[in-house]
Amino acid sequence: MTGHPAIRPSGRRALISVSDKRGVVEFARALVDLGWEIVSTGGTADALRRENIPVVPMEQVTGFPEMMDGRVKTLHPNVHGGLLARRDHPADVAALHAQGITPIDLVAVNLYPFRETVAKPETTLAQAIEQIDIGGPSMLRSAAKNHADVIVIVDPEDYGVVLAALRTEPTAELRRALATKVFAHTSAYDAAVLEYLSRSEEALPDRLSLVLDRRQALRYGENPHQRAALYVTGESGVRDLHQLHGKELSFNNLLDVDAAMMAVAPWLGDDAKPACAIIKHTTPCGIALGGNAEDAYRRALATDTTSAFGSVVAFNTVVSRAAAEAMRDLFVEVVVAPRVDAAALQVFQEKKNLRVVEMPRPADQPSWDFKRVRGGFLVQDRFRYSAVADEKGWKVVTRRRPTDAEWNDLRFAWAAVGSIKSNAILLVREEAAIGIGAGQMSRVDASFLAVHKARQQGHDPRGAVLASDAFFPFRDGVDEAAAAGVAAIIQPGGSVKDAEVVAAADAHGLAMVVTGNRQFRH
């Protein structure tokens, strides 16, 4: 580390100002033991003083008190001059001498918790604004720009690495790596502010900034010849995934895990029935509700025991030992749930290749969904399951109304069909899928396939209800369902041939409910 002793009265100087105080006391104490002087602000300075660590208050450096509820405290030439002065530039060193500025050789700063604050539904705009950090990013950027002379730390996980390096001499590679992490962090921070301030009920913003952090390298992508890695955003979801057991998750596993948790997402509330979805190639081959996790699993498995081989199994609830025991005889790639209890994990650990993952239930709050196309992204509002449950626009359009039992199954079917690849047809009895027609090029083929799959697995379609993720363009899909004995249908409506479709349902004595909203999943 280069320096200029004549303008450094107290040895090397570190500036520490952190919102995330993990490890900061131990880090500061170690710096003092190495002969460093600590400059600090507000709450960080108080935390260090309580531990009897000597601190130079920021107002002593700047000559000004903290002002405006802490909005102004570090935006001063005595701070940024000390950070930006190039130690090997005589003119910079002379300027320090002339202004009486002491160089700052290390900066440990992390920022106000903006993303965490705005993630809370009750946060107001005024509260969010106060979590926009100004001084922190400015100090980080100044230090990172001058990383040849200033060590900069934005992540508490790096305290140990830096302390080890300070016992010899920090390398240029370490300095640059730390500075690179700073610019990635401040860029992500600015992107979070931009995203929040751009939110609108009326329109998508003119500009989006997407910042991704690499979470882990993957062995390969969808196929072995494709390189791959997992990158995460600040949104809750895959970044919160915690693996309890098994070999590393693959690219395809991660796609299926996300699809699996979204399949059980309609049943989010603490009072929701236990739900289980069995996923193959990002679409359910089984989905059901049950009295408990084991019951939900057995009912979902019964949808299609053949296709469930090599699947991802998701729950909206705690996985019990009984549920784990029920899965012994099935080859499963991944089990994912908000929580897996210890007894269940013991059962799963008997299979060394089974991956067991805990992942929070997805939040049903406004956010954006991105789909990649060559040269750009398609952006849309993320699908919200609270909208699926909203029955205000639902209408019975046939002469026959659904029975109470049919209504119950129609609600389940409508919530479940949105997780199935379009064109999607779902047959349901007693809150469990009995036949699924997914990803077909025509809706009549999807209807035929759902009936075929039901019969193939020993299910009788007679008396079942049917959900269609989009309208029937012709009556043939209804005729196909009626021929199999389906009793009631739920679908969005909106076809130019709706009258013909409803007439077909009436002719067959079916009940039909139109929701007014489709649920395509391409």
Protein backbone atom coordinates (compact mmCIF):
# COMPACT_ATOMS: atom_id res chain seq x y z
CA MET A 1 0.00 0.00 0.00
CA THR A 2 1.53 3.36 -1.02
CA GLY A 3 1.28 6.35 1.31
CA HIS A 4 2.50 9.75 2.37
CA PRO A 5 3.32 9.77 6.13
CA ALA A 6 3.57 13.56 6.33
CA ILE A 7 -0.18 13.93 5.79
CA ARG A 8 -1.31 10.91 7.84
CA PRO A 9 -1.03 11.92 11.52
CA SER A 10 -2.61 8.76 12.94
CA GLY A 11 -1.28 6.00 10.68
CA ARG A 12 -3.69 4.38 8.23
CA ARG A 13 -7.28 5.56 8.32
CA ALA A 14 -10.44 3.51 7.74
CA LEU A 15 -13.94 4.87 7.22
CA ILE A 16 -16.68 2.54 8.44
CA SER A 17 -20.39 3.30 7.97
CA VAL A 18 -22.72 0.33 7.65
CA SER A 19 -26.42 -0.51 7.80
CA ASP A 20 -25.68 -4.24 7.93
CA LYS A 21 -23.62 -4.47 11.12
CA ARG A 22 -22.77 -8.17 10.87
CA GLY A 23 -19.15 -8.61 11.96
CA VAL A 24 -18.38 -4.89 11.99
CA VAL A 25 -17.32 -4.75 15.66
CA GLU A 26 -14.86 -7.61 15.24
CA PHE A 27 -13.56 -6.10 11.99
CA ALA A 28 -13.03 -2.65 13.50
CA ARG A 29 -11.34 -4.08 16.59
CA ALA A 30 -8.94 -6.06 14.38
CA LEU A 31 -8.11 -2.90 12.40
CA VAL A 32 -7.35 -0.99 15.60
CA ASP A 33 -5.10 -3.84 16.71
CA LEU A 34 -3.25 -3.44 13.40
CA GLY A 35 -2.73 0.27 14.10
CA TRP A 36 -5.58 1.74 12.07
CA GLU A 37 -7.61 4.81 12.97
CA ILE A 38 -11.39 4.44 12.58
CA VAL A 39 -13.67 7.20 11.28
CA SER A 40 -17.37 6.47 11.56
CA THR A 41 -20.87 7.91 11.42
CA GLY A 42 -24.10 7.83 13.41
CA GLY A 43 -25.31 4.39 14.43
CA THR A 44 -22.11 2.64 13.39
CA ALA A 45 -20.01 4.95 15.54
CA ASP A 46 -22.34 4.35 18.50
CA ALA A 47 -22.12 0.58 18.05
CA LEU A 48 -18.31 0.72 18.01
CA ARG A 49 -18.08 3.01 21.02
CA ARG A 50 -20.30 0.66 23.03
CA GLU A 51 -17.63 -1.97 22.46
CA ASN A 52 -14.87 0.45 23.60
CA ILE A 53 -13.45 0.83 20.10
CA PRO A 54 -11.95 4.31 19.59
CA VAL A 55 -13.75 6.25 16.87
CA VAL A 56 -13.14 9.59 15.18
CA PRO A 57 -16.62 11.06 14.58
CA MET A 58 -17.38 12.13 11.03
CA GLU A 59 -18.19 15.71 12.09
CA GLN A 60 -14.62 16.02 13.34
CA VAL A 61 -13.39 15.14 9.84
CA THR A 62 -15.79 17.41 7.94
CA GLY A 63 -16.12 20.24 10.45
CA PHE A 64 -19.88 20.06 10.07
CA PRO A 65 -22.52 18.25 12.12
CA GLU A 66 -24.77 15.62 10.59
CA MET A 67 -27.79 17.47 9.21
CA MET A 68 -31.33 16.91 7.98
CA ASP A 69 -31.93 13.65 9.87
CA GLY A 70 -28.67 12.22 8.57
CA ARG A 71 -29.31 13.09 4.91
CA VAL A 72 -26.07 15.12 4.89
CA LYS A 73 -23.05 13.81 6.76
CA THR A 74 -20.34 12.47 4.39
CA LEU A 75 -20.77 14.63 1.27
CA HIS A 76 -17.69 16.74 1.91
CA PRO A 77 -14.26 17.37 0.27
CA ASN A 78 -12.50 16.17 3.42
CA VAL A 79 -14.09 12.78 2.82
CA HIS A 80 -13.98 12.51 -0.95
CA GLY A 81 -10.64 14.24 -1.24
CA GLY A 82 -9.25 11.67 1.19
CA LEU A 83 -10.70 8.89 -0.94
CA LEU A 84 -9.91 10.12 -4.45
CA ALA A 85 -6.37 11.46 -3.99
CA ARG A 86 -3.89 9.42 -6.03
CA ARG A 87 -0.96 8.72 -3.76
CA ASP A 88 1.53 8.58 -6.64
CA HIS A 89 0.38 11.93 -8.14
CA PRO A 90 2.37 14.83 -6.61
CA ALA A 91 -0.36 17.35 -7.45
CA ASP A 92 -2.99 15.28 -5.61
CA VAL A 93 -0.73 14.92 -2.58
CA ALA A 94 0.02 18.66 -2.64
CA ALA A 95 -3.71 19.40 -2.71
CA LEU A 96 -4.19 17.23 0.37
CA HIS A 97 -1.42 19.16 2.14
CA ALA A 98 -2.85 22.52 1.12
CA GLN A 99 -6.35 21.70 2.36
CA GLY A 100 -5.31 19.73 5.43
CA ILE A 101 -7.09 16.58 4.25
CA THR A 102 -6.09 13.21 5.69
CA PRO A 103 -6.11 10.30 3.21
CA ILE A 104 -8.59 7.46 3.77
CA ASP A 105 -7.06 4.07 2.99
CA LEU A 106 -9.99 1.74 3.55
CA VAL A 107 -13.76 2.12 3.23
CA ALA A 108 -16.28 -0.35 4.64
CA VAL A 109 -19.76 0.82 3.68
CA ASN A 110 -23.04 -0.90 2.96
CA LEU A 111 -26.23 0.81 2.04
CA TYR A 112 -29.64 1.59 3.48
CA PRO A 113 -31.94 -1.45 3.08
CA PHE A 114 -33.98 -0.02 0.21
CA ARG A 115 -34.99 -3.30 -1.42
CA GLU A 116 -35.97 -4.85 1.90
CA THR A 117 -38.03 -1.78 2.81
CA VAL A 118 -40.03 -1.60 -0.41
CA ALA A 119 -40.69 -5.35 -0.32
CA LYS A 120 -43.02 -4.71 2.62
CA PRO A 121 -46.55 -4.05 1.33
CA GLU A 122 -47.20 -1.40 3.98
CA THR A 123 -44.23 0.78 2.93
CA THR A 124 -45.25 4.28 1.85
CA LEU A 125 -43.54 6.34 -0.84
CA ALA A 126 -42.15 8.70 1.81
CA GLN A 127 -40.64 5.79 3.74
CA ALA A 128 -39.13 4.36 0.56
CA ILE A 129 -37.58 7.72 -0.38
CA GLU A 130 -35.78 7.92 2.98
CA GLN A 131 -34.14 4.57 2.24
CA ILE A 132 -32.47 5.90 -0.91
CA ASP A 133 -28.82 6.12 0.17
CA ILE A 134 -26.81 9.05 -1.23
CA GLY A 135 -23.63 9.31 0.82
CA GLY A 136 -23.00 5.56 0.91
CA PRO A 137 -22.92 4.98 -2.86
CA SER A 138 -20.86 8.17 -3.29
CA MET A 139 -18.18 6.95 -0.87
CA LEU A 140 -18.19 3.48 -2.37
CA ARG A 141 -17.81 4.78 -5.91
CA SER A 142 -15.03 7.18 -4.92
CA ALA A 143 -13.13 4.44 -3.13
CA ALA A 144 -13.71 1.92 -5.91
CA LYS A 145 -12.52 4.38 -8.54
CA ASN A 146 -9.31 4.83 -6.55
CA HIS A 147 -8.99 1.17 -5.59
CA ALA A 148 -5.28 1.20 -6.43
CA ASP A 149 -4.86 3.21 -3.21
CA VAL A 150 -8.07 2.54 -1.25
CA ILE A 151 -9.41 -0.84 -0.15
CA VAL A 152 -13.19 -0.86 -0.47
CA ILE A 153 -15.58 -3.34 1.16
CA VAL A 154 -19.32 -3.51 0.53
CA ASP A 155 -19.94 -7.09 1.68
CA PRO A 156 -19.40 -8.11 5.35
CA GLU A 157 -18.39 -11.56 4.08
CA ASP A 158 -15.16 -9.95 2.81
CA TYR A 159 -13.95 -8.67 6.21
CA GLY A 160 -11.91 -11.81 6.88
CA VAL A 161 -10.30 -11.80 3.45
CA VAL A 162 -9.27 -8.16 3.82
CA LEU A 163 -7.88 -8.62 7.34
CA ALA A 164 -5.77 -11.53 6.15
CA ALA A 165 -4.47 -9.43 3.24
CA LEU A 166 -3.65 -6.46 5.49
CA ARG A 167 -1.22 -8.58 7.47
CA THR A 168 1.00 -8.58 4.36
CA GLU A 169 0.07 -6.42 1.37
CA PRO A 170 -3.29 -6.50 -0.46
CA THR A 171 -2.74 -7.55 -4.06
CA ALA A 172 -3.86 -5.55 -7.06
CA GLU A 173 -6.13 -8.47 -7.98
CA LEU A 174 -7.91 -8.36 -4.61
CA ARG A 175 -8.31 -4.58 -4.77
CA ARG A 176 -9.83 -4.81 -8.24
CA ALA A 177 -12.14 -7.69 -7.25
CA LEU A 178 -13.45 -5.70 -4.28
CA ALA A 179 -13.98 -2.62 -6.47
CA THR A 180 -15.80 -4.69 -9.08
CA LYS A 181 -18.13 -6.00 -6.39
CA VAL A 182 -18.86 -2.39 -5.37
CA PHE A 183 -19.92 -1.32 -8.85
CA ALA A 184 -22.10 -4.43 -9.21
CA HIS A 185 -23.70 -3.62 -5.85
CA THR A 186 -24.35 0.06 -6.50
CA SER A 187 -25.66 -0.75 -9.97
CA ALA A 188 -28.13 -3.24 -8.47
CA TYR A 189 -29.09 -0.70 -5.82
CA ASP A 190 -29.83 1.97 -8.41
CA ALA A 191 -31.80 -0.58 -10.43
CA ALA A 192 -33.96 -1.36 -7.39
CA VAL A 193 -34.71 2.34 -6.91
CA LEU A 194 -35.49 2.74 -10.61
CA GLU A 195 -37.81 -0.27 -10.55
CA TYR A 196 -39.67 1.00 -7.51
CA LEU A 197 -40.11 4.56 -8.77
CA SER A 198 -41.13 3.26 -12.21
CA ARG A 199 -44.01 1.20 -10.88
CA SER A 200 -47.29 2.32 -12.35
CA GLU A 201 -50.80 1.01 -12.58
CA GLU A 202 -51.13 2.54 -16.05
CA ALA A 203 -48.03 1.59 -18.02
CA LEU A 204 -44.72 -0.21 -18.03
CA PRO A 205 -41.68 2.10 -17.72
CA ASP A 206 -39.76 3.45 -20.69
CA ARG A 207 -36.52 1.99 -19.34
CA LEU A 208 -35.71 -1.03 -17.20
CA SER A 209 -32.42 -1.91 -15.58
CA LEU A 210 -31.92 -5.61 -14.94
CA VAL A 211 -29.05 -6.55 -12.62
CA LEU A 212 -28.26 -10.21 -11.98
CA ASP A 213 -25.87 -11.76 -9.48
CA ARG A 214 -24.31 -15.10 -10.34
CA ARG A 215 -25.37 -17.51 -7.60
CA GLN A 216 -23.68 -20.65 -8.87
CA ALA A 217 -22.13 -22.25 -11.92
CA LEU A 218 -24.06 -25.24 -13.27
CA ARG A 219 -22.58 -28.35 -14.85
CA TYR A 220 -24.37 -27.57 -18.13
CA GLY A 221 -27.59 -26.14 -19.49
CA GLU A 222 -30.60 -27.87 -20.99
CA ASN A 223 -28.15 -30.05 -22.90
CA PRO A 224 -24.57 -31.11 -22.05
CA HIS A 225 -22.98 -28.96 -24.76
CA GLN A 226 -24.44 -25.71 -23.33
CA ARG A 227 -22.66 -23.69 -20.63
CA ALA A 228 -24.91 -22.49 -17.80
CA ALA A 229 -25.08 -20.68 -14.47
CA LEU A 230 -27.78 -19.54 -12.07
CA TYR A 231 -28.15 -15.75 -11.80
CA VAL A 232 -30.53 -14.20 -9.30
CA THR A 233 -32.34 -10.91 -8.86
CA GLY A 234 -33.33 -9.21 -5.63
CA GLU A 235 -36.83 -10.68 -5.82
CA SER A 236 -37.72 -13.48 -3.43
CA GLY A 237 -37.75 -16.89 -5.04
CA VAL A 238 -34.86 -19.00 -6.27
CA ARG A 239 -32.35 -16.77 -4.48
CA ASP A 240 -33.92 -17.96 -1.20
CA LEU A 241 -33.62 -21.63 -2.12
CA HIS A 242 -31.89 -23.75 0.54
CA GLN A 243 -30.76 -27.25 -0.38
CA LEU A 244 -30.89 -29.76 2.46
CA HIS A 245 -29.72 -32.91 0.70
CA GLY A 246 -28.59 -34.45 -2.57
CA LYS A 247 -26.35 -33.63 -5.47
CA GLU A 248 -26.20 -30.25 -7.13
CA LEU A 249 -29.34 -28.95 -8.78
CA SER A 250 -29.17 -28.93 -12.56
CA PHE A 251 -30.40 -26.31 -15.03
CA ASN A 252 -33.51 -28.38 -15.78
CA ASN A 253 -34.08 -29.09 -12.08
CA LEU A 254 -34.18 -25.36 -11.37
CA LEU A 255 -36.69 -24.74 -14.15
CA ASP A 256 -38.91 -27.49 -12.76
CA VAL A 257 -38.53 -26.29 -9.16
CA ASP A 258 -39.75 -22.84 -10.14
CA ALA A 259 -42.67 -24.29 -12.10
CA ALA A 260 -43.50 -26.60 -9.20
CA MET A 261 -43.68 -23.84 -6.62
CA MET A 262 -45.80 -21.74 -8.95
CA ALA A 263 -48.16 -24.70 -9.43
CA VAL A 264 -48.94 -24.78 -5.69
CA ALA A 265 -48.93 -20.97 -5.40
CA PRO A 266 -52.74 -20.56 -5.61
CA TRP A 267 -52.93 -22.15 -2.16
CA LEU A 268 -50.73 -19.67 -0.31
CA GLY A 269 -52.58 -18.69 2.84
CA ASP A 270 -51.91 -20.24 6.22
CA ASP A 271 -55.48 -21.57 6.19
CA ALA A 272 -55.15 -23.10 2.69
CA LYS A 273 -55.50 -26.83 2.25
CA PRO A 274 -52.27 -28.80 1.74
CA ALA A 275 -51.45 -28.95 -1.97
CA CYS A 276 -49.05 -31.10 -3.97
CA ALA A 277 -47.93 -30.76 -7.58
CA ILE A 278 -45.85 -33.31 -9.49
CA ILE A 279 -43.93 -31.66 -12.32
CA LYS A 280 -42.39 -33.02 -15.51
CA HIS A 281 -40.83 -30.66 -18.05
CA THR A 282 -42.23 -27.60 -16.22
CA THR A 283 -45.87 -28.73 -16.36
CA PRO A 284 -47.89 -30.77 -13.86
CA CYS A 285 -48.58 -34.44 -14.47
CA GLY A 286 -50.40 -34.48 -11.15
CA ILE A 287 -51.89 -31.89 -8.83
CA ALA A 288 -54.26 -32.20 -5.89
CA LEU A 289 -55.36 -30.93 -2.52
CA GLY A 290 -55.53 -33.18 0.52
CA GLY A 291 -56.11 -33.37 4.24
CA ASN A 292 -52.35 -33.32 4.87
CA ALA A 293 -49.11 -33.46 2.90
CA GLU A 294 -49.18 -37.25 2.56
CA ASP A 295 -52.79 -37.28 1.38
CA ALA A 296 -52.16 -34.46 -1.12
CA TYR A 297 -49.14 -36.34 -2.51
CA ARG A 298 -51.00 -39.66 -2.91
CA ARG A 299 -53.88 -37.93 -4.67
CA ALA A 300 -51.53 -35.99 -6.98
CA LEU A 301 -49.58 -39.15 -7.79
CA ALA A 302 -52.80 -40.93 -8.72
CA THR A 303 -53.35 -38.45 -11.56
CA ASP A 304 -50.65 -40.13 -13.65
CA THR A 305 -48.40 -42.66 -11.93
CA THR A 306 -46.48 -43.34 -15.16
CA SER A 307 -45.42 -39.78 -15.93
CA ALA A 308 -44.45 -39.09 -12.30
CA PHE A 309 -41.21 -41.10 -12.74
CA GLY A 310 -38.23 -38.71 -12.55
CA SER A 311 -40.34 -35.76 -11.44
CA VAL A 312 -40.08 -32.74 -9.17
CA VAL A 313 -42.60 -32.89 -6.32
CA ALA A 314 -43.71 -29.64 -4.67
CA PHE A 315 -45.78 -28.90 -1.58
CA ASN A 316 -47.31 -25.70 -0.23
CA THR A 317 -46.89 -26.98 3.32
CA VAL A 318 -44.44 -28.75 5.64
CA VAL A 319 -43.37 -32.17 4.36
CA SER A 320 -43.98 -34.74 7.07
CA ARG A 321 -42.32 -38.12 7.63
CA ALA A 322 -45.53 -39.80 6.47
CA ALA A 323 -45.35 -37.90 3.16
CA ALA A 324 -41.69 -38.84 2.76
CA GLU A 325 -42.48 -42.50 3.46
CA ALA A 326 -45.21 -42.38 0.82
CA MET A 327 -42.61 -41.29 -1.76
CA ARG A 328 -40.15 -44.15 -1.09
CA ASP A 329 -41.10 -46.21 -4.13
CA LEU A 330 -41.06 -43.38 -6.69
CA PHE A 331 -37.93 -42.11 -8.43
CA VAL A 332 -38.01 -38.37 -7.75
CA GLU A 333 -35.41 -35.82 -8.87
CA VAL A 334 -36.29 -33.03 -6.40
CA VAL A 335 -38.63 -32.48 -3.46
CA VAL A 336 -39.33 -28.79 -2.80
CA ALA A 337 -41.44 -27.24 -0.05
CA PRO A 338 -41.44 -24.25 2.30
CA ARG A 339 -40.17 -26.61 5.00
CA VAL A 340 -39.16 -30.24 5.37
CA ASP A 341 -39.30 -31.57 8.91
CA ALA A 342 -36.33 -33.43 10.40
CA ALA A 343 -38.00 -36.84 10.38
CA ALA A 344 -38.93 -36.47 6.69
CA LEU A 345 -35.38 -35.43 5.85
CA GLN A 346 -34.04 -38.61 7.48
CA VAL A 347 -36.19 -40.66 5.10
CA PHE A 348 -35.12 -38.64 2.07
CA GLN A 349 -31.44 -38.96 2.99
CA GLU A 350 -31.64 -42.68 2.33
CA LYS A 351 -31.57 -41.75 -1.37
CA LYS A 352 -28.22 -40.09 -2.01
CA ASN A 353 -29.18 -38.62 -5.38
CA LEU A 354 -32.52 -37.16 -4.31
CA ARG A 355 -32.32 -33.40 -4.03
CA VAL A 356 -34.30 -31.92 -1.13
CA VAL A 357 -34.90 -28.19 -1.21
CA GLU A 358 -36.63 -25.66 1.01
CA MET A 359 -37.97 -22.59 -0.77
CA PRO A 360 -40.41 -19.96 0.53
CA ARG A 361 -43.88 -19.91 -0.95
CA PRO A 362 -43.90 -17.32 -3.75
CA ALA A 363 -45.28 -13.94 -2.76
CA ASP A 364 -48.40 -12.89 -4.62
CA GLN A 365 -47.41 -9.26 -5.08
CA PRO A 366 -46.92 -7.00 -8.11
CA SER A 367 -43.71 -7.61 -10.04
CA TRP A 368 -42.54 -8.15 -13.59
CA ASP A 369 -42.08 -11.32 -15.57
CA PHE A 370 -39.37 -11.48 -18.22
CA LYS A 371 -39.13 -13.77 -21.23
CA ARG A 372 -36.02 -13.73 -23.39
CA VAL A 373 -36.20 -13.25 -27.14
CA ARG A 374 -33.26 -12.68 -29.44
CA GLY A 375 -32.15 -9.07 -29.05
CA GLY A 376 -34.46 -8.21 -26.19
CA PHE A 377 -36.93 -9.16 -23.51
CA LEU A 378 -40.67 -9.42 -23.37
CA VAL A 379 -41.91 -7.92 -20.10
CA GLN A 380 -45.29 -8.41 -18.52
CA ASP A 381 -46.95 -8.17 -15.13
CA ARG A 382 -46.28 -11.35 -13.20
CA PHE A 383 -49.31 -13.61 -13.03
CA ARG A 384 -51.10 -13.05 -9.71
CA TYR A 385 -53.05 -15.92 -8.22
CA SER A 386 -55.23 -13.60 -6.16
CA ALA A 387 -56.76 -12.58 -9.50
CA VAL A 388 -57.59 -16.22 -10.26
CA ALA A 389 -59.54 -16.49 -7.03
CA ASP A 390 -61.55 -13.34 -7.77
CA GLU A 391 -64.99 -14.58 -8.87
CA LYS A 392 -66.62 -11.17 -9.38
CA GLY A 393 -66.70 -11.56 -13.16
CA TRP A 394 -67.72 -15.21 -13.26
CA LYS A 395 -71.00 -16.10 -14.96
CA VAL A 396 -73.00 -19.28 -15.39
CA VAL A 397 -73.88 -19.16 -19.10
CA THR A 398 -75.81 -22.44 -19.43
CA ARG A 399 -79.31 -23.42 -18.43
CA ARG A 400 -77.98 -25.86 -15.87
CA ARG A 401 -76.10 -24.42 -12.91
CA PRO A 402 -73.24 -26.31 -11.27
CA THR A 403 -74.04 -28.28 -8.14
CA ASP A 404 -72.26 -27.36 -4.90
CA ALA A 405 -69.80 -30.23 -5.39
CA GLU A 406 -69.16 -29.14 -8.99
CA TRP A 407 -68.59 -25.55 -7.88
CA ASN A 408 -65.93 -26.73 -5.43
CA ASP A 409 -64.13 -28.68 -8.13
CA LEU A 410 -64.50 -25.89 -10.69
CA ARG A 411 -62.73 -23.49 -8.32
CA PHE A 412 -59.89 -25.94 -7.81
CA ALA A 413 -59.66 -26.68 -11.53
CA TRP A 414 -59.51 -22.99 -12.46
CA ALA A 415 -56.72 -22.37 -9.92
CA ALA A 416 -54.77 -25.41 -11.14
CA VAL A 417 -55.08 -25.07 -14.91
CA GLY A 418 -52.93 -21.93 -15.03
CA SER A 419 -49.82 -23.97 -14.20
CA ILE A 420 -50.31 -26.28 -17.20
CA LYS A 421 -48.71 -25.48 -20.55
CA SER A 422 -51.19 -24.19 -23.12
CA ASN A 423 -53.27 -25.41 -24.82
CA ALA A 424 -54.36 -26.82 -21.47
CA ILE A 425 -57.35 -28.92 -20.48
CA LEU A 426 -57.71 -30.26 -16.94
CA LEU A 427 -60.16 -32.87 -15.67
CA VAL A 428 -60.89 -32.74 -11.92
CA ARG A 429 -62.79 -34.75 -9.38
CA GLU A 430 -62.88 -33.99 -5.64
CA GLU A 431 -60.06 -31.39 -5.79
CA ALA A 432 -57.64 -33.67 -7.62
CA ALA A 433 -56.64 -33.81 -11.26
CA ILE A 434 -57.62 -37.04 -13.02
CA GLY A 435 -56.62 -36.13 -16.58
CA ILE A 436 -54.33 -33.47 -18.09
CA GLY A 437 -54.04 -32.42 -21.73
CA ALA A 438 -51.03 -30.09 -21.95
CA GLY A 439 -49.14 -28.22 -24.64
CA GLN A 440 -51.32 -29.29 -27.55
CA MET A 441 -51.60 -27.42 -30.81
CA SER A 442 -55.42 -27.60 -30.79
CA ARG A 443 -57.84 -27.41 -27.90
CA VAL A 444 -59.87 -30.38 -29.11
CA ASP A 445 -56.70 -32.48 -29.03
CA ALA A 446 -56.04 -31.25 -25.49
CA SER A 447 -59.57 -32.35 -24.52
CA PHE A 448 -59.04 -35.74 -26.18
CA LEU A 449 -55.67 -36.19 -24.45
CA ALA A 450 -57.03 -35.28 -21.00
CA VAL A 451 -59.77 -37.89 -21.37
CA HIS A 452 -57.31 -40.45 -22.76
CA LYS A 453 -54.83 -39.90 -19.91
CA ALA A 454 -57.62 -40.21 -17.34
CA ARG A 455 -58.82 -43.53 -18.72
CA GLN A 456 -55.26 -44.78 -19.15
CA GLN A 457 -54.71 -44.33 -15.41
CA GLY A 458 -58.02 -45.97 -14.49
CA HIS A 459 -60.00 -42.79 -13.82
CA ASP A 460 -63.59 -42.48 -14.98
CA PRO A 461 -64.22 -39.03 -16.53
CA ARG A 462 -67.98 -39.34 -16.01
CA GLY A 463 -69.16 -36.66 -13.60
CA ALA A 464 -65.81 -34.84 -13.57
CA VAL A 465 -65.41 -31.12 -14.21
CA LEU A 466 -63.18 -29.61 -16.89
CA ALA A 467 -61.10 -26.42 -16.95
CA SER A 468 -59.78 -24.83 -20.12
CA ASP A 469 -57.06 -22.18 -19.83
CA ALA A 470 -58.47 -20.25 -22.83
CA PHE A 471 -61.70 -20.12 -24.78
CA PHE A 472 -63.04 -22.91 -27.00
CA PRO A 473 -62.72 -21.65 -30.58
CA PHE A 474 -65.25 -24.27 -31.73
CA ARG A 475 -67.77 -26.56 -30.09
CA ASP A 476 -65.70 -29.70 -30.82
CA GLY A 477 -63.79 -29.48 -27.50
CA VAL A 478 -67.08 -29.39 -25.61
CA ASP A 479 -68.45 -32.29 -27.65
CA GLU A 480 -65.32 -34.31 -26.85
CA ALA A 481 -65.72 -33.61 -23.12
CA ALA A 482 -69.44 -34.39 -23.14
CA ALA A 483 -68.85 -37.69 -24.91
CA ALA A 484 -66.59 -38.69 -22.02
CA GLY A 485 -69.26 -37.81 -19.46
CA VAL A 486 -67.87 -34.49 -18.15
CA ALA A 487 -70.53 -32.70 -16.09
CA ALA A 488 -69.33 -29.07 -15.88
CA ILE A 489 -66.85 -26.78 -17.60
CA ILE A 490 -65.03 -23.60 -16.57
CA GLN A 491 -63.37 -21.46 -19.23
CA PRO A 492 -62.62 -17.78 -19.94
CA GLY A 493 -65.01 -17.23 -22.83
CA GLY A 494 -64.34 -14.58 -25.46
CA SER A 495 -64.56 -16.62 -28.66
CA VAL A 496 -66.54 -15.31 -31.61
CA LYS A 497 -68.28 -18.67 -31.40
CA ASP A 498 -69.14 -18.48 -27.69
CA ALA A 499 -72.86 -18.81 -28.49
CA GLU A 500 -72.19 -22.02 -30.40
CA VAL A 501 -70.02 -23.35 -27.57
CA VAL A 502 -72.67 -22.55 -24.94
CA ALA A 503 -75.35 -24.12 -27.13
CA ALA A 504 -73.27 -27.29 -27.30
CA ALA A 505 -73.01 -27.37 -23.52
CA ASP A 506 -76.76 -26.88 -23.20
CA ALA A 507 -77.42 -29.62 -25.75
CA HIS A 508 -75.36 -32.04 -23.67
CA GLY A 509 -76.85 -30.90 -20.34
CA LEU A 510 -73.52 -29.53 -19.07
CA ALA A 511 -73.07 -26.62 -16.70
CA MET A 512 -70.63 -23.97 -17.94
CA VAL A 513 -68.98 -21.10 -16.06
CA VAL A 514 -67.23 -18.26 -17.90
CA THR A 515 -64.56 -16.37 -15.91
CA GLY A 516 -63.68 -13.56 -18.33
CA ASN A 517 -59.91 -14.08 -17.88
CA ARG A 518 -57.65 -16.56 -19.61
CA GLN A 519 -54.57 -18.26 -18.19
CA PHE A 520 -52.16 -18.96 -21.06
CA ARG A 521 -48.74 -20.33 -20.10
CA HIS A 522 -46.54 -20.53 -23.18
